[in-house]
Protein backbone atom coordinates (compact mmCIF):
# COMPACT_ATOMS: atom_id res chain seq x y z
CA MET A 1 -13.61 -5.84 19.34
CA ARG A 2 -15.75 -6.15 16.24
CA ARG A 3 -14.59 -2.75 15.03
CA VAL A 4 -10.95 -3.82 15.16
CA GLY A 5 -11.74 -7.01 13.25
CA ALA A 6 -13.70 -5.06 10.66
CA LEU A 7 -10.87 -2.54 10.35
CA ALA A 8 -8.36 -5.36 9.83
CA LEU A 9 -10.58 -6.83 7.10
CA ARG A 10 -10.80 -3.46 5.35
CA ILE A 11 -7.05 -2.91 5.56
CA ALA A 12 -6.38 -6.36 4.11
CA ALA A 13 -8.97 -5.84 1.36
CA VAL A 14 -7.48 -2.52 0.28
CA GLU A 15 -3.78 -3.02 0.94
CA GLY A 16 -3.43 -6.79 0.77
CA GLY A 17 -1.22 -8.65 3.19
CA ASP A 18 -1.69 -11.41 5.71
CA LEU A 19 -5.01 -10.97 7.50
CA GLU A 20 -3.83 -12.90 10.58
CA VAL A 21 -0.86 -10.53 10.96
CA ILE A 22 -2.99 -7.45 10.38
CA GLU A 23 -5.64 -8.57 12.88
CA ALA A 24 -3.08 -9.34 15.57
CA ALA A 25 -1.31 -6.00 15.04
CA CYS A 26 -4.62 -4.12 15.17
CA PHE A 27 -5.70 -5.84 18.38
CA LEU A 28 -2.36 -5.62 20.17
CA HIS A 29 -0.68 -2.40 18.97
CA ASP A 30 -1.49 -0.53 22.21
CA ILE A 31 -1.24 -3.43 24.65
CA VAL A 32 1.40 -1.42 26.56
CA ASN A 33 0.16 2.14 26.87
CA PRO A 34 2.08 4.27 29.39
CA PRO A 35 0.55 7.60 30.41
CA LYS A 36 1.50 10.62 28.27
CA ASP A 37 3.90 11.97 30.93
CA ASP A 38 5.63 8.63 31.57
CA PRO A 39 9.29 8.41 30.46
CA ALA A 40 8.51 4.99 28.93
CA ARG A 41 6.00 6.60 26.55
CA ALA A 42 8.63 6.94 23.82
CA GLN A 43 9.13 3.18 23.89
CA ALA A 44 5.43 2.28 23.89
CA ALA A 45 5.45 0.75 20.40
CA ALA A 46 8.55 -1.36 21.10
CA LEU A 47 7.15 -2.45 24.47
CA SER A 48 3.82 -3.36 22.85
CA ALA A 49 5.62 -5.32 20.12
CA ALA A 50 7.62 -7.29 22.70
CA HIS A 51 4.56 -8.02 24.82
CA ALA A 52 2.50 -9.00 21.78
CA SER A 53 5.31 -11.29 20.57
CA ALA A 54 5.43 -13.20 23.84
CA PHE A 55 1.64 -13.46 23.91
CA LEU A 56 1.37 -14.73 20.32
CA LEU A 57 4.27 -17.19 20.59
CA GLY A 58 2.65 -18.60 23.70
CA ARG A 59 -0.50 -19.22 21.71
CA GLY A 60 1.20 -21.04 18.87
CA MET A 61 1.61 -18.37 16.19
CA THR A 62 4.60 -19.10 13.97
CA GLU A 63 7.77 -17.16 14.66
CA SER A 64 7.74 -15.56 11.19
CA LYS A 65 4.19 -14.26 11.70
CA VAL A 66 5.04 -13.03 15.20
CA LYS A 67 7.98 -11.08 13.76
CA ALA A 68 5.65 -9.59 11.13
CA VAL A 69 3.16 -8.54 13.82
CA ALA A 70 5.92 -7.01 15.96
CA HIS A 71 7.24 -5.05 12.99
CA ALA A 72 3.76 -3.77 12.12
CA ILE A 73 3.27 -2.63 15.72
CA GLU A 74 6.65 -0.88 15.87
CA ALA A 75 6.19 0.78 12.47
CA HIS A 76 2.74 2.17 13.28
CA SER A 77 4.29 4.67 15.69
CA PHE A 78 5.25 7.80 13.78
CA SER A 79 7.44 9.07 16.62
CA ALA A 80 9.43 5.80 16.76
CA GLY A 81 10.72 6.46 13.24
CA VAL A 82 10.55 2.79 12.20
CA ARG A 83 10.13 2.51 8.45
CA ALA A 84 7.53 0.02 7.27
CA GLN A 85 9.15 -2.97 5.58
CA SER A 86 6.00 -4.97 4.81
CA ILE A 87 2.48 -4.51 3.48
CA GLU A 88 1.05 -5.25 6.93
CA ALA A 89 3.18 -2.54 8.54
């Protein structure tokens, strides 16, 4: 867990952006991780974003930050073809 936190700090230091969003995206980007041969594999980033959103909303993160985390998670997947629209993504 410390590595992910350290990575988030380095990303924020170099790229800028909201550290809380970056940390949450780093920790939760693979929260749904189907096996390589699973048909749901292509939707892994979207599934992770949805699961992370519910988790974070349930813990009091603001809706705007949750949306930013979800976008960063979806955009990190090259195969999903989601273009990054924020510094955090």
